[in-house]
Amino acid sequence: MHYVYVLKRKDDEYYIGYTSDLIRRVTEHKKEYPCKLIYYEAYIFEKPARDRERKLKYYGSAWRALRKRIIA
């Protein structure tokens, strides 16, 4: 599986990432700085996951739409 995820840091900043091992990657992030996994999407294939991550990072409308859904 391939995952796109969103972390919320203690300073209220958000981090969007991609990984094929979600638990390992979130654990690595937590060692670097305090954060919380607030959302993830699972994909069978790598390309759609990478495309989704790119849209969330570089196209503001995709991130704004997701943010409305997950942050109320």
PDB file of N, CA and C in Angstrom:
ATOM      1  N   MET A   1       0.841  -1.183   0.000  1.00  0.00           N
ATOM      2  CA  MET A   1       0.000   0.000   0.000  1.00  0.00           C
ATOM      3  C   MET A   1       0.886   1.247   0.000  1.00  0.00           C
ATOM      4  N   HIS A   2       0.318   2.319  -0.506  1.00  0.00           N
ATOM      5  CA  HIS A   2       0.991   3.611  -0.558  1.00  0.00           C
ATOM      6  C   HIS A   2       0.069   4.625   0.114  1.00  0.00           C
ATOM      7  N   TYR A   3       0.657   5.514   0.881  1.00  0.00           N
ATOM      8  CA  TYR A   3      -0.125   6.426   1.710  1.00  0.00           C
ATOM      9  C   TYR A   3       0.253   7.879   1.482  1.00  0.00           C
ATOM     10  N   VAL A   4      -0.759   8.729   1.500  1.00  0.00           N
ATOM     11  CA  VAL A   4      -0.588  10.171   1.581  1.00  0.00           C
ATOM     12  C   VAL A   4      -1.103  10.534   2.970  1.00  0.00           C
ATOM     13  N   TYR A   5      -0.334  11.327   3.701  1.00  0.00           N
ATOM     14  CA  TYR A   5      -0.718  11.602   5.082  1.00  0.00           C
ATOM     15  C   TYR A   5      -0.536  13.076   5.416  1.00  0.00           C
ATOM     16  N   VAL A   6      -1.238  13.480   6.477  1.00  0.00           N
ATOM     17  CA  VAL A   6      -1.131  14.853   6.972  1.00  0.00           C
ATOM     18  C   VAL A   6      -0.822  14.778   8.461  1.00  0.00           C
ATOM     19  N   LEU A   7       0.236  15.477   8.845  1.00  0.00           N
ATOM     20  CA  LEU A   7       0.611  15.575  10.248  1.00  0.00           C
ATOM     21  C   LEU A   7       0.367  17.001  10.722  1.00  0.00           C
ATOM     22  N   LYS A   8      -0.032  17.124  11.971  1.00  0.00           N
ATOM     23  CA  LYS A   8      -0.156  18.449  12.584  1.00  0.00           C
ATOM     24  C   LYS A   8       0.925  18.560  13.645  1.00  0.00           C
ATOM     25  N   ARG A   9       1.761  19.592  13.500  1.00  0.00           N
ATOM     26  CA  ARG A   9       2.836  19.792  14.453  1.00  0.00           C
ATOM     27  C   ARG A   9       2.348  20.627  15.631  1.00  0.00           C
ATOM     28  N   LYS A  10       3.124  20.646  16.692  1.00  0.00           N
ATOM     29  CA  LYS A  10       2.764  21.402  17.897  1.00  0.00           C
ATOM     30  C   LYS A  10       2.604  22.897  17.625  1.00  0.00           C
ATOM     31  N   ASP A  11       3.335  23.407  16.634  1.00  0.00           N
ATOM     32  CA  ASP A  11       3.247  24.841  16.318  1.00  0.00           C
ATOM     33  C   ASP A  11       2.098  25.140  15.350  1.00  0.00           C
ATOM     34  N   ASP A  12       1.152  24.203  15.215  1.00  0.00           N
ATOM     35  CA  ASP A  12      -0.033  24.317  14.359  1.00  0.00           C
ATOM     36  C   ASP A  12       0.290  24.397  12.871  1.00  0.00           C
ATOM     37  N   GLU A  13       1.460  23.927  12.490  1.00  0.00           N
ATOM     38  CA  GLU A  13       1.812  23.796  11.082  1.00  0.00           C
ATOM     39  C   GLU A  13       1.421  22.392  10.624  1.00  0.00           C
ATOM     40  N   TYR A  14       1.164  22.248   9.333  1.00  0.00           N
ATOM     41  CA  TYR A  14       0.782  20.960   8.777  1.00  0.00           C
ATOM     42  C   TYR A  14       1.867  20.458   7.840  1.00  0.00           C
ATOM     43  N   TYR A  15       2.051  19.147   7.830  1.00  0.00           N
ATOM     44  CA  TYR A  15       3.020  18.520   6.941  1.00  0.00           C
ATOM     45  C   TYR A  15       2.286  17.470   6.107  1.00  0.00           C
ATOM     46  N   ILE A  16       2.464  17.513   4.810  1.00  0.00           N
ATOM     47  CA  ILE A  16       1.854  16.555   3.892  1.00  0.00           C
ATOM     48  C   ILE A  16       2.968  15.690   3.331  1.00  0.00           C
ATOM     49  N   GLY A  17       2.781  14.384   3.360  1.00  0.00           N
ATOM     50  CA  GLY A  17       3.831  13.498   2.868  1.00  0.00           C
ATOM     51  C   GLY A  17       3.267  12.257   2.203  1.00  0.00           C
ATOM     52  N   TYR A  18       4.197  11.477   1.651  1.00  0.00           N
ATOM     53  CA  TYR A  18       3.883  10.228   0.968  1.00  0.00           C
ATOM     54  C   TYR A  18       4.823   9.152   1.511  1.00  0.00           C
ATOM     55  N   THR A  19       4.338   7.932   1.648  1.00  0.00           N
ATOM     56  CA  THR A  19       5.173   6.823   2.075  1.00  0.00           C
ATOM     57  C   THR A  19       4.535   5.495   1.703  1.00  0.00           C
ATOM     58  N   SER A  20       5.340   4.462   1.696  1.00  0.00           N
ATOM     59  CA  SER A  20       4.802   3.116   1.509  1.00  0.00           C
ATOM     60  C   SER A  20       4.750   2.375   2.848  1.00  0.00           C
ATOM     61  N   ASP A  21       5.254   3.001   3.913  1.00  0.00           N
ATOM     62  CA  ASP A  21       5.213   2.417   5.256  1.00  0.00           C
ATOM     63  C   ASP A  21       4.801   3.512   6.238  1.00  0.00           C
ATOM     64  N   LEU A  22       3.514   3.642   6.443  1.00  0.00           N
ATOM     65  CA  LEU A  22       2.973   4.760   7.226  1.00  0.00           C
ATOM     66  C   LEU A  22       3.457   4.752   8.675  1.00  0.00           C
ATOM     67  N   ILE A  23       3.424   3.617   9.325  1.00  0.00           N
ATOM     68  CA  ILE A  23       3.814   3.556  10.737  1.00  0.00           C
ATOM     69  C   ILE A  23       5.278   3.953  10.915  1.00  0.00           C
ATOM     70  N   ARG A  24       6.149   3.426  10.074  1.00  0.00           N
ATOM     71  CA  ARG A  24       7.571   3.765  10.162  1.00  0.00           C
ATOM     72  C   ARG A  24       7.792   5.257   9.952  1.00  0.00           C
ATOM     73  N   ARG A  25       7.140   5.810   8.956  1.00  0.00           N
ATOM     74  CA  ARG A  25       7.361   7.222   8.611  1.00  0.00           C
ATOM     75  C   ARG A  25       6.848   8.158   9.694  1.00  0.00           C
ATOM     76  N   VAL A  26       5.683   7.874  10.243  1.00  0.00           N
ATOM     77  CA  VAL A  26       5.145   8.723  11.312  1.00  0.00           C
ATOM     78  C   VAL A  26       6.045   8.638  12.543  1.00  0.00           C
ATOM     79  N   THR A  27       6.548   7.451  12.839  1.00  0.00           N
ATOM     80  CA  THR A  27       7.478   7.291  13.956  1.00  0.00           C
ATOM     81  C   THR A  27       8.738   8.116  13.737  1.00  0.00           C
ATOM     82  N   GLU A  28       9.264   8.123  12.526  1.00  0.00           N
ATOM     83  CA  GLU A  28      10.442   8.934  12.206  1.00  0.00           C
ATOM     84  C   GLU A  28      10.148  10.423  12.409  1.00  0.00           C
ATOM     85  N   HIS A  29       8.984  10.865  11.962  1.00  0.00           N
ATOM     86  CA  HIS A  29       8.620  12.273  12.139  1.00  0.00           C
ATOM     87  C   HIS A  29       8.549  12.629  13.615  1.00  0.00           C
ATOM     88  N   LYS A  30       7.958  11.752  14.416  1.00  0.00           N
ATOM     89  CA  LYS A  30       7.788  12.048  15.841  1.00  0.00           C
ATOM     90  C   LYS A  30       9.115  12.148  16.559  1.00  0.00           C
ATOM     91  N   LYS A  31      10.132  11.453  16.066  1.00  0.00           N
ATOM     92  CA  LYS A  31      11.461  11.569  16.663  1.00  0.00           C
ATOM     93  C   LYS A  31      12.060  12.941  16.377  1.00  0.00           C
ATOM     94  N   GLU A  32      11.727  13.522  15.218  1.00  0.00           N
ATOM     95  CA  GLU A  32      12.269  14.820  14.827  1.00  0.00           C
ATOM     96  C   GLU A  32      11.573  15.973  15.538  1.00  0.00           C
ATOM     97  N   TYR A  33      10.243  15.915  15.618  1.00  0.00           N
ATOM     98  CA  TYR A  33       9.479  16.979  16.263  1.00  0.00           C
ATOM     99  C   TYR A  33       8.121  16.430  16.676  1.00  0.00           C
ATOM    100  N   PRO A  34       7.534  16.982  17.740  1.00  0.00           N
ATOM    101  CA  PRO A  34       6.231  16.498  18.198  1.00  0.00           C
ATOM    102  C   PRO A  34       5.153  16.745  17.134  1.00  0.00           C
ATOM    103  N   CYS A  35       4.425  15.715  16.781  1.00  0.00           N
ATOM    104  CA  CYS A  35       3.373  15.852  15.780  1.00  0.00           C
ATOM    105  C   CYS A  35       2.327  14.766  15.982  1.00  0.00           C
ATOM    106  N   LYS A  36       1.215  14.938  15.293  1.00  0.00           N
ATOM    107  CA  LYS A  36       0.110  13.999  15.404  1.00  0.00           C
ATOM    108  C   LYS A  36      -0.417  13.702  14.008  1.00  0.00           C
ATOM    109  N   LEU A  37      -0.629  12.434  13.714  1.00  0.00           N
ATOM    110  CA  LEU A  37      -1.230  12.038  12.444  1.00  0.00           C
ATOM    111  C   LEU A  37      -2.710  12.377  12.504  1.00  0.00           C
ATOM    112  N   ILE A  38      -3.171  13.244  11.586  1.00  0.00           N
ATOM    113  CA  ILE A  38      -4.581  13.642  11.627  1.00  0.00           C
ATOM    114  C   ILE A  38      -5.373  13.108  10.439  1.00  0.00           C
ATOM    115  N   TYR A  39      -4.672  12.624   9.389  1.00  0.00           N
ATOM    116  CA  TYR A  39      -5.389  12.159   8.211  1.00  0.00           C
ATOM    117  C   TYR A  39      -4.457  11.342   7.332  1.00  0.00           C
ATOM    118  N   TYR A  40      -5.017  10.311   6.688  1.00  0.00           N
ATOM    119  CA  TYR A  40      -4.259   9.613   5.661  1.00  0.00           C
ATOM    120  C   TYR A  40      -5.203   9.008   4.635  1.00  0.00           C
ATOM    121  N   GLU A  41      -4.682   8.791   3.442  1.00  0.00           N
ATOM    122  CA  GLU A  41      -5.391   8.121   2.360  1.00  0.00           C
ATOM    123  C   GLU A  41      -4.525   6.952   1.911  1.00  0.00           C
ATOM    124  N   ALA A  42      -5.135   5.804   1.639  1.00  0.00           N
ATOM    125  CA  ALA A  42      -4.402   4.617   1.202  1.00  0.00           C
ATOM    126  C   ALA A  42      -4.680   4.347  -0.274  1.00  0.00           C
ATOM    127  N   TYR A  43      -3.627   3.999  -0.993  1.00  0.00           N
ATOM    128  CA  TYR A  43      -3.716   3.693  -2.419  1.00  0.00           C
ATOM    129  C   TYR A  43      -3.024   2.369  -2.699  1.00  0.00           C
ATOM    130  N   ILE A  44      -3.542   1.635  -3.659  1.00  0.00           N
ATOM    131  CA  ILE A  44      -2.914   0.377  -4.044  1.00  0.00           C
ATOM    132  C   ILE A  44      -1.666   0.633  -4.884  1.00  0.00           C
ATOM    133  N   PHE A  45      -1.746   1.608  -5.777  1.00  0.00           N
ATOM    134  CA  PHE A  45      -0.643   1.897  -6.681  1.00  0.00           C
ATOM    135  C   PHE A  45       0.067   3.191  -6.277  1.00  0.00           C
ATOM    136  N   GLU A  46       1.351   3.266  -6.598  1.00  0.00           N
ATOM    137  CA  GLU A  46       2.172   4.396  -6.202  1.00  0.00           C
ATOM    138  C   GLU A  46       1.809   5.694  -6.935  1.00  0.00           C
ATOM    139  N   LYS A  47       1.577   5.639  -8.227  1.00  0.00           N
ATOM    140  CA  LYS A  47       1.361   6.852  -9.017  1.00  0.00           C
ATOM    141  C   LYS A  47       0.188   7.705  -8.522  1.00  0.00           C
ATOM    142  N   PRO A  48      -0.984   7.120  -8.263  1.00  0.00           N
ATOM    143  CA  PRO A  48      -2.079   7.967  -7.756  1.00  0.00           C
ATOM    144  C   PRO A  48      -1.760   8.605  -6.393  1.00  0.00           C
ATOM    145  N   ALA A  49      -1.014   7.885  -5.562  1.00  0.00           N
ATOM    146  CA  ALA A  49      -0.648   8.438  -4.258  1.00  0.00           C
ATOM    147  C   ALA A  49       0.295   9.620  -4.431  1.00  0.00           C
ATOM    148  N   ARG A  50       1.284   9.479  -5.275  1.00  0.00           N
ATOM    149  CA  ARG A  50       2.232  10.585  -5.522  1.00  0.00           C
ATOM    150  C   ARG A  50       1.532  11.774  -6.175  1.00  0.00           C
ATOM    151  N   ASP A  51       0.606  11.499  -7.091  1.00  0.00           N
ATOM    152  CA  ASP A  51      -0.151  12.574  -7.732  1.00  0.00           C
ATOM    153  C   ASP A  51      -0.985  13.336  -6.699  1.00  0.00           C
ATOM    154  N   ARG A  52      -1.619  12.608  -5.791  1.00  0.00           N
ATOM    155  CA  ARG A  52      -2.437  13.247  -4.755  1.00  0.00           C
ATOM    156  C   ARG A  52      -1.572  14.093  -3.823  1.00  0.00           C
ATOM    157  N   GLU A  53      -0.425  13.573  -3.427  1.00  0.00           N
ATOM    158  CA  GLU A  53       0.484  14.345  -2.576  1.00  0.00           C
ATOM    159  C   GLU A  53       0.892  15.635  -3.281  1.00  0.00           C
ATOM    160  N   ARG A  54       1.223  15.533  -4.536  1.00  0.00           N
ATOM    161  CA  ARG A  54       1.639  16.713  -5.311  1.00  0.00           C
ATOM    162  C   ARG A  54       0.518  17.749  -5.363  1.00  0.00           C
ATOM    163  N   LYS A  55      -0.720  17.292  -5.595  1.00  0.00           N
ATOM    164  CA  LYS A  55      -1.850  18.228  -5.639  1.00  0.00           C
ATOM    165  C   LYS A  55      -2.036  18.927  -4.295  1.00  0.00           C
ATOM    166  N   LEU A  56      -1.935  18.163  -3.214  1.00  0.00           N
ATOM    167  CA  LEU A  56      -2.117  18.762  -1.897  1.00  0.00           C
ATOM    168  C   LEU A  56      -1.016  19.755  -1.564  1.00  0.00           C
ATOM    169  N   LYS A  57       0.206  19.471  -1.978  1.00  0.00           N
ATOM    170  CA  LYS A  57       1.326  20.355  -1.661  1.00  0.00           C
ATOM    171  C   LYS A  57       1.375  21.597  -2.536  1.00  0.00           C
ATOM    172  N   TYR A  58       1.058  21.454  -3.824  1.00  0.00           N
ATOM    173  CA  TYR A  58       1.337  22.533  -4.759  1.00  0.00           C
ATOM    174  C   TYR A  58       0.110  23.224  -5.337  1.00  0.00           C
ATOM    175  N   TYR A  59      -1.069  22.670  -5.089  1.00  0.00           N
ATOM    176  CA  TYR A  59      -2.294  23.303  -5.575  1.00  0.00           C
ATOM    177  C   TYR A  59      -3.161  23.617  -4.368  1.00  0.00           C
ATOM    178  N   GLY A  60      -3.241  24.883  -4.038  1.00  0.00           N
ATOM    179  CA  GLY A  60      -3.917  25.321  -2.823  1.00  0.00           C
ATOM    180  C   GLY A  60      -5.363  24.899  -2.723  1.00  0.00           C
ATOM    181  N   SER A  61      -6.057  24.814  -3.845  1.00  0.00           N
ATOM    182  CA  SER A  61      -7.478  24.461  -3.783  1.00  0.00           C
ATOM    183  C   SER A  61      -7.674  23.029  -3.281  1.00  0.00           C
ATOM    184  N   ALA A  62      -6.798  22.116  -3.618  1.00  0.00           N
ATOM    185  CA  ALA A  62      -6.908  20.728  -3.146  1.00  0.00           C
ATOM    186  C   ALA A  62      -6.709  20.681  -1.630  1.00  0.00           C
ATOM    187  N   TRP A  63      -5.708  21.402  -1.138  1.00  0.00           N
ATOM    188  CA  TRP A  63      -5.444  21.427   0.305  1.00  0.00           C
ATOM    189  C   TRP A  63      -6.578  22.123   1.057  1.00  0.00           C
ATOM    190  N   ARG A  64      -7.089  23.228   0.521  1.00  0.00           N
ATOM    191  CA  ARG A  64      -8.197  23.929   1.183  1.00  0.00           C
ATOM    192  C   ARG A  64      -9.432  23.038   1.284  1.00  0.00           C
ATOM    193  N   ALA A  65      -9.739  22.299   0.235  1.00  0.00           N
ATOM    194  CA  ALA A  65     -10.906  21.416   0.247  1.00  0.00           C
ATOM    195  C   ALA A  65     -10.727  20.305   1.287  1.00  0.00           C
ATOM    196  N   LEU A  66      -9.555  19.694   1.328  1.00  0.00           N
ATOM    197  CA  LEU A  66      -9.307  18.635   2.313  1.00  0.00           C
ATOM    198  C   LEU A  66      -9.325  19.208   3.712  1.00  0.00           C
ATOM    199  N   ARG A  67      -8.727  20.348   3.888  1.00  0.00           N
ATOM    200  CA  ARG A  67      -8.667  20.964   5.210  1.00  0.00           C
ATOM    201  C   ARG A  67     -10.060  21.254   5.767  1.00  0.00           C
ATOM    202  N   LYS A  68     -10.967  21.687   4.904  1.00  0.00           N
ATOM    203  CA  LYS A  68     -12.356  21.914   5.341  1.00  0.00           C
ATOM    204  C   LYS A  68     -12.992  20.636   5.852  1.00  0.00           C
ATOM    205  N   ARG A  69     -12.661  19.512   5.212  1.00  0.00           N
ATOM    206  CA  ARG A  69     -13.240  18.232   5.605  1.00  0.00           C
ATOM    207  C   ARG A  69     -12.674  17.690   6.914  1.00  0.00           C
ATOM    208  N   ILE A  70     -11.391  17.889   7.144  1.00  0.00           N
ATOM    209  CA  ILE A  70     -10.771  17.234   8.302  1.00  0.00           C
ATOM    210  C   ILE A  70     -10.550  18.154   9.493  1.00  0.00           C
ATOM    211  N   ILE A  71     -10.563  19.447   9.284  1.00  0.00           N
ATOM    212  CA  ILE A  71     -10.301  20.395  10.371  1.00  0.00           C
ATOM    213  C   ILE A  71     -11.536  21.275  10.533  1.00  0.00           C
ATOM    214  N   ALA A  72     -12.269  20.984  11.562  1.00  0.00           N
ATOM    215  CA  ALA A  72     -13.501  21.749  11.775  1.00  0.00           C
ATOM    216  C   ALA A  72     -13.427  22.564  13.048  1.00  0.00           C
TER     217      ALA A  72
END
